[in-house]
Amino acid sequence: MTWDLVFEVDFPNINLIIDLVQSLPPTSVSCETSFSQMKLTKTARRLNFKDTTLNRIMQAKLLSPDVGGFDPNPAIDYWLVNTYANNLF
């Protein structure tokens, strides 16, 4: 008899609870980082941001790569190929 069968007979929902507990993050570092970034973004000068604007700024801050890891070459290549950029020269 395996543990799955023992748990299934005696505690039919225990596997669901174990899966839920294992899927929770062990710390709240990502949440704390997000709130810190939001406090830095929404300063006294920028209290009138709409929710959508603040959401977009937070997504850019939290989901974009570090500046040290950013490779500008694809953006430069795109800009050089773009017809609008070519018309500037």
PDB file of N, CA and C in Angstrom:
ATOM      1  N   MET A   1       0.852  -1.179   0.000  1.00  0.00           N
ATOM      2  CA  MET A   1       0.000   0.000   0.000  1.00  0.00           C
ATOM      3  C   MET A   1       0.900   1.245   0.000  1.00  0.00           C
ATOM      4  N   THR A   2       0.604   2.196  -0.859  1.00  0.00           N
ATOM      5  CA  THR A   2       1.412   3.415  -0.943  1.00  0.00           C
ATOM      6  C   THR A   2       0.794   4.500  -0.078  1.00  0.00           C
ATOM      7  N   TRP A   3       1.595   5.541   0.166  1.00  0.00           N
ATOM      8  CA  TRP A   3       1.104   6.649   0.992  1.00  0.00           C
ATOM      9  C   TRP A   3      -0.068   7.359   0.329  1.00  0.00           C
ATOM     10  N   ASP A   4      -0.034   7.436  -1.002  1.00  0.00           N
ATOM     11  CA  ASP A   4      -1.153   8.080  -1.698  1.00  0.00           C
ATOM     12  C   ASP A   4      -2.467   7.370  -1.412  1.00  0.00           C
ATOM     13  N   LEU A   5      -2.435   6.050  -1.414  1.00  0.00           N
ATOM     14  CA  LEU A   5      -3.662   5.300  -1.134  1.00  0.00           C
ATOM     15  C   LEU A   5      -4.099   5.456   0.314  1.00  0.00           C
ATOM     16  N   VAL A   6      -3.143   5.458   1.241  1.00  0.00           N
ATOM     17  CA  VAL A   6      -3.479   5.640   2.656  1.00  0.00           C
ATOM     18  C   VAL A   6      -4.127   6.999   2.865  1.00  0.00           C
ATOM     19  N   PHE A   7      -3.506   8.038   2.301  1.00  0.00           N
ATOM     20  CA  PHE A   7      -4.067   9.381   2.456  1.00  0.00           C
ATOM     21  C   PHE A   7      -5.410   9.509   1.748  1.00  0.00           C
ATOM     22  N   GLU A   8      -5.533   8.862   0.588  1.00  0.00           N
ATOM     23  CA  GLU A   8      -6.767   8.977  -0.182  1.00  0.00           C
ATOM     24  C   GLU A   8      -7.948   8.350   0.552  1.00  0.00           C
ATOM     25  N   VAL A   9      -7.691   7.242   1.244  1.00  0.00           N
ATOM     26  CA  VAL A   9      -8.765   6.559   1.969  1.00  0.00           C
ATOM     27  C   VAL A   9      -9.142   7.333   3.229  1.00  0.00           C
ATOM     28  N   ASP A  10      -8.141   7.688   4.031  1.00  0.00           N
ATOM     29  CA  ASP A  10      -8.423   8.332   5.311  1.00  0.00           C
ATOM     30  C   ASP A  10      -8.687   9.833   5.190  1.00  0.00           C
ATOM     31  N   PHE A  11      -7.937  10.492   4.311  1.00  0.00           N
ATOM     32  CA  PHE A  11      -8.048  11.947   4.149  1.00  0.00           C
ATOM     33  C   PHE A  11      -8.128  12.270   2.653  1.00  0.00           C
ATOM     34  N   PRO A  12      -9.303  12.270   2.088  1.00  0.00           N
ATOM     35  CA  PRO A  12      -9.416  12.412   0.631  1.00  0.00           C
ATOM     36  C   PRO A  12      -8.913  13.760   0.087  1.00  0.00           C
ATOM     37  N   ASN A  13      -8.925  14.805   0.876  1.00  0.00           N
ATOM     38  CA  ASN A  13      -8.518  16.125   0.383  1.00  0.00           C
ATOM     39  C   ASN A  13      -7.119  16.538   0.820  1.00  0.00           C
ATOM     40  N   ILE A  14      -6.388  15.640   1.462  1.00  0.00           N
ATOM     41  CA  ILE A  14      -5.074  16.019   1.989  1.00  0.00           C
ATOM     42  C   ILE A  14      -4.088  16.348   0.870  1.00  0.00           C
ATOM     43  N   ASN A  15      -4.161  15.641  -0.257  1.00  0.00           N
ATOM     44  CA  ASN A  15      -3.250  15.935  -1.367  1.00  0.00           C
ATOM     45  C   ASN A  15      -3.488  17.335  -1.924  1.00  0.00           C
ATOM     46  N   LEU A  16      -4.731  17.759  -1.967  1.00  0.00           N
ATOM     47  CA  LEU A  16      -5.029  19.120  -2.429  1.00  0.00           C
ATOM     48  C   LEU A  16      -4.434  20.161  -1.488  1.00  0.00           C
ATOM     49  N   ILE A  17      -4.545  19.915  -0.203  1.00  0.00           N
ATOM     50  CA  ILE A  17      -3.997  20.852   0.784  1.00  0.00           C
ATOM     51  C   ILE A  17      -2.474  20.889   0.698  1.00  0.00           C
ATOM     52  N   ILE A  18      -1.852  19.731   0.538  1.00  0.00           N
ATOM     53  CA  ILE A  18      -0.391  19.686   0.416  1.00  0.00           C
ATOM     54  C   ILE A  18       0.057  20.437  -0.833  1.00  0.00           C
ATOM     55  N   ASP A  19      -0.641  20.256  -1.941  1.00  0.00           N
ATOM     56  CA  ASP A  19      -0.303  20.993  -3.168  1.00  0.00           C
ATOM     57  C   ASP A  19      -0.438  22.493  -2.962  1.00  0.00           C
ATOM     58  N   LEU A  20      -1.480  22.918  -2.274  1.00  0.00           N
ATOM     59  CA  LEU A  20      -1.663  24.349  -2.011  1.00  0.00           C
ATOM     60  C   LEU A  20      -0.546  24.911  -1.146  1.00  0.00           C
ATOM     61  N   VAL A  21      -0.189  24.191  -0.098  1.00  0.00           N
ATOM     62  CA  VAL A  21       0.862  24.660   0.805  1.00  0.00           C
ATOM     63  C   VAL A  21       2.204  24.721   0.083  1.00  0.00           C
ATOM     64  N   GLN A  22       2.475  23.762  -0.766  1.00  0.00           N
ATOM     65  CA  GLN A  22       3.739  23.758  -1.494  1.00  0.00           C
ATOM     66  C   GLN A  22       3.796  24.848  -2.556  1.00  0.00           C
ATOM     67  N   SER A  23       2.656  25.318  -3.021  1.00  0.00           N
ATOM     68  CA  SER A  23       2.658  26.348  -4.057  1.00  0.00           C
ATOM     69  C   SER A  23       2.783  27.762  -3.485  1.00  0.00           C
ATOM     70  N   LEU A  24       2.599  27.928  -2.182  1.00  0.00           N
ATOM     71  CA  LEU A  24       2.742  29.247  -1.576  1.00  0.00           C
ATOM     72  C   LEU A  24       4.213  29.612  -1.442  1.00  0.00           C
ATOM     73  N   PRO A  25       4.567  30.862  -1.707  1.00  0.00           N
ATOM     74  CA  PRO A  25       5.969  31.248  -1.540  1.00  0.00           C
ATOM     75  C   PRO A  25       6.352  31.232  -0.057  1.00  0.00           C
ATOM     76  N   PRO A  26       7.586  30.850   0.249  1.00  0.00           N
ATOM     77  CA  PRO A  26       7.992  30.772   1.654  1.00  0.00           C
ATOM     78  C   PRO A  26       8.158  32.139   2.310  1.00  0.00           C
ATOM     79  N   THR A  27       8.373  33.178   1.513  1.00  0.00           N
ATOM     80  CA  THR A  27       8.529  34.527   2.059  1.00  0.00           C
ATOM     81  C   THR A  27       7.664  35.492   1.269  1.00  0.00           C
ATOM     82  N   SER A  28       7.555  36.694   1.780  1.00  0.00           N
ATOM     83  CA  SER A  28       6.781  37.725   1.088  1.00  0.00           C
ATOM     84  C   SER A  28       7.701  38.789   0.500  1.00  0.00           C
ATOM     85  N   VAL A  29       8.902  38.385   0.097  1.00  0.00           N
ATOM     86  CA  VAL A  29       9.884  39.341  -0.412  1.00  0.00           C
ATOM     87  C   VAL A  29       9.373  40.037  -1.660  1.00  0.00           C
ATOM     88  N   SER A  30       8.777  39.289  -2.585  1.00  0.00           N
ATOM     89  CA  SER A  30       8.305  39.916  -3.820  1.00  0.00           C
ATOM     90  C   SER A  30       7.205  40.935  -3.535  1.00  0.00           C
ATOM     91  N   CYS A  31       6.340  40.634  -2.579  1.00  0.00           N
ATOM     92  CA  CYS A  31       5.278  41.576  -2.204  1.00  0.00           C
ATOM     93  C   CYS A  31       5.867  42.819  -1.551  1.00  0.00           C
ATOM     94  N   GLU A  32       6.822  42.624  -0.658  1.00  0.00           N
ATOM     95  CA  GLU A  32       7.457  43.765   0.009  1.00  0.00           C
ATOM     96  C   GLU A  32       8.220  44.625  -0.983  1.00  0.00           C
ATOM     97  N   THR A  33       8.889  43.997  -1.943  1.00  0.00           N
ATOM     98  CA  THR A  33       9.606  44.737  -2.978  1.00  0.00           C
ATOM     99  C   THR A  33       8.637  45.562  -3.806  1.00  0.00           C
ATOM    100  N   SER A  34       7.501  44.982  -4.141  1.00  0.00           N
ATOM    101  CA  SER A  34       6.501  45.698  -4.935  1.00  0.00           C
ATOM    102  C   SER A  34       5.983  46.924  -4.193  1.00  0.00           C
ATOM    103  N   PHE A  35       5.679  46.774  -2.913  1.00  0.00           N
ATOM    104  CA  PHE A  35       5.194  47.919  -2.149  1.00  0.00           C
ATOM    105  C   PHE A  35       6.271  48.989  -2.000  1.00  0.00           C
ATOM    106  N   SER A  36       7.516  48.585  -1.829  1.00  0.00           N
ATOM    107  CA  SER A  36       8.603  49.567  -1.739  1.00  0.00           C
ATOM    108  C   SER A  36       8.737  50.341  -3.038  1.00  0.00           C
ATOM    109  N   GLN A  37       8.673  49.641  -4.164  1.00  0.00           N
ATOM    110  CA  GLN A  37       8.759  50.315  -5.459  1.00  0.00           C
ATOM    111  C   GLN A  37       7.569  51.250  -5.667  1.00  0.00           C
ATOM    112  N   MET A  38       6.387  50.835  -5.218  1.00  0.00           N
ATOM    113  CA  MET A  38       5.213  51.686  -5.372  1.00  0.00           C
ATOM    114  C   MET A  38       5.347  52.953  -4.537  1.00  0.00           C
ATOM    115  N   LYS A  39       5.877  52.828  -3.319  1.00  0.00           N
ATOM    116  CA  LYS A  39       6.058  54.018  -2.482  1.00  0.00           C
ATOM    117  C   LYS A  39       7.078  54.969  -3.089  1.00  0.00           C
ATOM    118  N   LEU A  40       8.128  54.421  -3.713  1.00  0.00           N
ATOM    119  CA  LEU A  40       9.116  55.271  -4.373  1.00  0.00           C
ATOM    120  C   LEU A  40       8.534  55.944  -5.613  1.00  0.00           C
ATOM    121  N   THR A  41       7.637  55.257  -6.292  1.00  0.00           N
ATOM    122  CA  THR A  41       7.038  55.801  -7.513  1.00  0.00           C
ATOM    123  C   THR A  41       5.982  56.844  -7.197  1.00  0.00           C
ATOM    124  N   LYS A  42       5.138  56.553  -6.244  1.00  0.00           N
ATOM    125  CA  LYS A  42       4.013  57.440  -5.934  1.00  0.00           C
ATOM    126  C   LYS A  42       4.429  58.399  -4.816  1.00  0.00           C
ATOM    127  N   THR A  43       5.181  59.400  -5.188  1.00  0.00           N
ATOM    128  CA  THR A  43       5.654  60.393  -4.230  1.00  0.00           C
ATOM    129  C   THR A  43       4.632  61.514  -4.098  1.00  0.00           C
ATOM    130  N   ALA A  44       4.949  62.505  -3.293  1.00  0.00           N
ATOM    131  CA  ALA A  44       4.033  63.627  -3.064  1.00  0.00           C
ATOM    132  C   ALA A  44       3.753  64.382  -4.361  1.00  0.00           C
ATOM    133  N   ARG A  45       4.723  64.434  -5.254  1.00  0.00           N
ATOM    134  CA  ARG A  45       4.522  65.138  -6.523  1.00  0.00           C
ATOM    135  C   ARG A  45       3.626  64.369  -7.482  1.00  0.00           C
ATOM    136  N   ARG A  46       3.554  63.067  -7.290  1.00  0.00           N
ATOM    137  CA  ARG A  46       2.819  62.233  -8.243  1.00  0.00           C
ATOM    138  C   ARG A  46       1.649  61.504  -7.582  1.00  0.00           C
ATOM    139  N   LEU A  47       0.964  62.157  -6.697  1.00  0.00           N
ATOM    140  CA  LEU A  47      -0.167  61.521  -6.016  1.00  0.00           C
ATOM    141  C   LEU A  47      -1.395  61.395  -6.907  1.00  0.00           C
ATOM    142  N   ASN A  48      -1.455  62.162  -7.978  1.00  0.00           N
ATOM    143  CA  ASN A  48      -2.649  62.188  -8.814  1.00  0.00           C
ATOM    144  C   ASN A  48      -2.609  61.192  -9.964  1.00  0.00           C
ATOM    145  N   PHE A  49      -1.738  60.199  -9.889  1.00  0.00           N
ATOM    146  CA  PHE A  49      -1.716  59.163 -10.918  1.00  0.00           C
ATOM    147  C   PHE A  49      -3.037  58.421 -10.939  1.00  0.00           C
ATOM    148  N   LYS A  50      -3.499  58.098 -12.136  1.00  0.00           N
ATOM    149  CA  LYS A  50      -4.636  57.193 -12.245  1.00  0.00           C
ATOM    150  C   LYS A  50      -4.138  55.785 -11.927  1.00  0.00           C
ATOM    151  N   ASP A  51      -5.061  54.907 -11.580  1.00  0.00           N
ATOM    152  CA  ASP A  51      -4.683  53.527 -11.265  1.00  0.00           C
ATOM    153  C   ASP A  51      -4.014  52.843 -12.454  1.00  0.00           C
ATOM    154  N   THR A  52      -4.528  53.106 -13.658  1.00  0.00           N
ATOM    155  CA  THR A  52      -3.943  52.464 -14.838  1.00  0.00           C
ATOM    156  C   THR A  52      -2.519  52.950 -15.081  1.00  0.00           C
ATOM    157  N   THR A  53      -2.268  54.237 -14.858  1.00  0.00           N
ATOM    158  CA  THR A  53      -0.920  54.775 -15.043  1.00  0.00           C
ATOM    159  C   THR A  53       0.037  54.166 -14.034  1.00  0.00           C
ATOM    160  N   LEU A  54      -0.369  54.128 -12.779  1.00  0.00           N
ATOM    161  CA  LEU A  54       0.474  53.534 -11.744  1.00  0.00           C
ATOM    162  C   LEU A  54       0.719  52.056 -12.030  1.00  0.00           C
ATOM    163  N   ASN A  55      -0.299  51.359 -12.495  1.00  0.00           N
ATOM    164  CA  ASN A  55      -0.160  49.946 -12.831  1.00  0.00           C
ATOM    165  C   ASN A  55       0.875  49.745 -13.936  1.00  0.00           C
ATOM    166  N   ARG A  56       0.835  50.575 -14.968  1.00  0.00           N
ATOM    167  CA  ARG A  56       1.787  50.443 -16.078  1.00  0.00           C
ATOM    168  C   ARG A  56       3.208  50.770 -15.636  1.00  0.00           C
ATOM    169  N   ILE A  57       3.365  51.788 -14.816  1.00  0.00           N
ATOM    170  CA  ILE A  57       4.700  52.141 -14.316  1.00  0.00           C
ATOM    171  C   ILE A  57       5.250  51.017 -13.443  1.00  0.00           C
ATOM    172  N   MET A  58       4.393  50.453 -12.588  1.00  0.00           N
ATOM    173  CA  MET A  58       4.837  49.364 -11.717  1.00  0.00           C
ATOM    174  C   MET A  58       5.218  48.127 -12.531  1.00  0.00           C
ATOM    175  N   GLN A  59       4.460  47.832 -13.584  1.00  0.00           N
ATOM    176  CA  GLN A  59       4.809  46.701 -14.439  1.00  0.00           C
ATOM    177  C   GLN A  59       6.160  46.921 -15.097  1.00  0.00           C
ATOM    178  N   ALA A  60       6.402  48.137 -15.569  1.00  0.00           N
ATOM    179  CA  ALA A  60       7.689  48.434 -16.199  1.00  0.00           C
ATOM    180  C   ALA A  60       8.828  48.298 -15.193  1.00  0.00           C
ATOM    181  N   LYS A  61       8.618  48.749 -13.972  1.00  0.00           N
ATOM    182  CA  LYS A  61       9.673  48.675 -12.955  1.00  0.00           C
ATOM    183  C   LYS A  61       9.941  47.245 -12.510  1.00  0.00           C
ATOM    184  N   LEU A  62       8.888  46.477 -12.299  1.00  0.00           N
ATOM    185  CA  LEU A  62       9.052  45.153 -11.708  1.00  0.00           C
ATOM    186  C   LEU A  62       9.350  44.058 -12.728  1.00  0.00           C
ATOM    187  N   LEU A  63       8.916  44.238 -13.974  1.00  0.00           N
ATOM    188  CA  LEU A  63       9.074  43.175 -14.956  1.00  0.00           C
ATOM    189  C   LEU A  63      10.212  43.402 -15.936  1.00  0.00           C
ATOM    190  N   SER A  64      10.773  44.597 -15.963  1.00  0.00           N
ATOM    191  CA  SER A  64      11.858  44.866 -16.908  1.00  0.00           C
ATOM    192  C   SER A  64      13.188  44.379 -16.339  1.00  0.00           C
ATOM    193  N   PRO A  65      14.129  44.038 -17.219  1.00  0.00           N
ATOM    194  CA  PRO A  65      15.423  43.546 -16.742  1.00  0.00           C
ATOM    195  C   PRO A  65      16.250  44.661 -16.122  1.00  0.00           C
ATOM    196  N   ASP A  66      17.277  44.271 -15.370  1.00  0.00           N
ATOM    197  CA  ASP A  66      18.196  45.251 -14.805  1.00  0.00           C
ATOM    198  C   ASP A  66      18.881  46.022 -15.922  1.00  0.00           C
ATOM    199  N   VAL A  67      19.288  47.229 -15.624  1.00  0.00           N
ATOM    200  CA  VAL A  67      19.975  48.044 -16.617  1.00  0.00           C
ATOM    201  C   VAL A  67      21.279  47.367 -17.035  1.00  0.00           C
ATOM    202  N   GLY A  68      21.953  46.735 -16.102  1.00  0.00           N
ATOM    203  CA  GLY A  68      23.203  46.045 -16.414  1.00  0.00           C
ATOM    204  C   GLY A  68      23.000  44.870 -17.351  1.00  0.00           C
ATOM    205  N   GLY A  69      21.831  44.255 -17.312  1.00  0.00           N
ATOM    206  CA  GLY A  69      21.540  43.113 -18.168  1.00  0.00           C
ATOM    207  C   GLY A  69      20.820  43.479 -19.448  1.00  0.00           C
ATOM    208  N   PHE A  70      20.563  44.761 -19.662  1.00  0.00           N
ATOM    209  CA  PHE A  70      19.815  45.200 -20.841  1.00  0.00           C
ATOM    210  C   PHE A  70      20.744  45.308 -22.038  1.00  0.00           C
ATOM    211  N   ASP A  71      20.346  44.711 -23.150  1.00  0.00           N
ATOM    212  CA  ASP A  71      21.104  44.800 -24.394  1.00  0.00           C
ATOM    213  C   ASP A  71      20.373  45.779 -25.315  1.00  0.00           C
ATOM    214  N   PRO A  72      20.937  46.960 -25.559  1.00  0.00           N
ATOM    215  CA  PRO A  72      20.243  47.959 -26.366  1.00  0.00           C
ATOM    216  C   PRO A  72      20.285  47.684 -27.865  1.00  0.00           C
ATOM    217  N   ASN A  73      21.093  46.745 -28.316  1.00  0.00           N
ATOM    218  CA  ASN A  73      21.270  46.525 -29.752  1.00  0.00           C
ATOM    219  C   ASN A  73      19.978  46.200 -30.497  1.00  0.00           C
ATOM    220  N   PRO A  74      19.091  45.331 -30.003  1.00  0.00           N
ATOM    221  CA  PRO A  74      17.839  45.101 -30.735  1.00  0.00           C
ATOM    222  C   PRO A  74      16.990  46.370 -30.868  1.00  0.00           C
ATOM    223  N   ALA A  75      16.951  47.195 -29.834  1.00  0.00           N
ATOM    224  CA  ALA A  75      16.182  48.442 -29.914  1.00  0.00           C
ATOM    225  C   ALA A  75      16.820  49.405 -30.907  1.00  0.00           C
ATOM    226  N   ILE A  76      18.145  49.461 -30.919  1.00  0.00           N
ATOM    227  CA  ILE A  76      18.848  50.337 -31.864  1.00  0.00           C
ATOM    228  C   ILE A  76      18.621  49.851 -33.289  1.00  0.00           C
ATOM    229  N   ASP A  77      18.716  48.544 -33.504  1.00  0.00           N
ATOM    230  CA  ASP A  77      18.471  47.990 -34.839  1.00  0.00           C
ATOM    231  C   ASP A  77      17.050  48.288 -35.300  1.00  0.00           C
ATOM    232  N   TYR A  78      16.084  48.131 -34.406  1.00  0.00           N
ATOM    233  CA  TYR A  78      14.692  48.431 -34.753  1.00  0.00           C
ATOM    234  C   TYR A  78      14.540  49.902 -35.120  1.00  0.00           C
ATOM    235  N   TRP A  79      15.162  50.772 -34.351  1.00  0.00           N
ATOM    236  CA  TRP A  79      15.058  52.207 -34.612  1.00  0.00           C
ATOM    237  C   TRP A  79      15.698  52.565 -35.947  1.00  0.00           C
ATOM    238  N   LEU A  80      16.835  51.939 -36.264  1.00  0.00           N
ATOM    239  CA  LEU A  80      17.520  52.236 -37.519  1.00  0.00           C
ATOM    240  C   LEU A  80      16.744  51.736 -38.732  1.00  0.00           C
ATOM    241  N   VAL A  81      16.027  50.639 -38.589  1.00  0.00           N
ATOM    242  CA  VAL A  81      15.261  50.075 -39.697  1.00  0.00           C
ATOM    243  C   VAL A  81      13.930  50.800 -39.879  1.00  0.00           C
ATOM    244  N   ASN A  82      13.431  51.395 -38.834  1.00  0.00           N
ATOM    245  CA  ASN A  82      12.138  52.071 -38.867  1.00  0.00           C
ATOM    246  C   ASN A  82      12.175  53.212 -39.882  1.00  0.00           C
ATOM    247  N   THR A  83      11.131  53.355 -40.680  1.00  0.00           N
ATOM    248  CA  THR A  83      11.125  54.380 -41.732  1.00  0.00           C
ATOM    249  C   THR A  83      11.115  55.784 -41.151  1.00  0.00           C
ATOM    250  N   TYR A  84      10.448  55.975 -40.024  1.00  0.00           N
ATOM    251  CA  TYR A  84      10.420  57.304 -39.412  1.00  0.00           C
ATOM    252  C   TYR A  84      11.822  57.728 -39.008  1.00  0.00           C
ATOM    253  N   ALA A  85      12.580  56.808 -38.433  1.00  0.00           N
ATOM    254  CA  ALA A  85      13.944  57.134 -38.020  1.00  0.00           C
ATOM    255  C   ALA A  85      14.819  57.430 -39.230  1.00  0.00           C
ATOM    256  N   ASN A  86      14.602  56.717 -40.340  1.00  0.00           N
ATOM    257  CA  ASN A  86      15.391  56.963 -41.545  1.00  0.00           C
ATOM    258  C   ASN A  86      15.085  58.326 -42.148  1.00  0.00           C
ATOM    259  N   ASN A  87      13.872  58.807 -41.984  1.00  0.00           N
ATOM    260  CA  ASN A  87      13.506  60.119 -42.523  1.00  0.00           C
ATOM    261  C   ASN A  87      14.149  61.258 -41.750  1.00  0.00           C
ATOM    262  N   LEU A  88      14.635  60.990 -40.560  1.00  0.00           N
ATOM    263  CA  LEU A  88      15.255  62.048 -39.770  1.00  0.00           C
ATOM    264  C   LEU A  88      16.635  62.409 -40.287  1.00  0.00           C
ATOM    265  N   PHE A  89      17.272  61.519 -41.037  1.00  0.00           N
ATOM    266  CA  PHE A  89      18.638  61.774 -41.492  1.00  0.00           C
ATOM    267  C   PHE A  89      18.680  62.140 -42.935  1.00  0.00           C
TER     268      PHE A  89
END
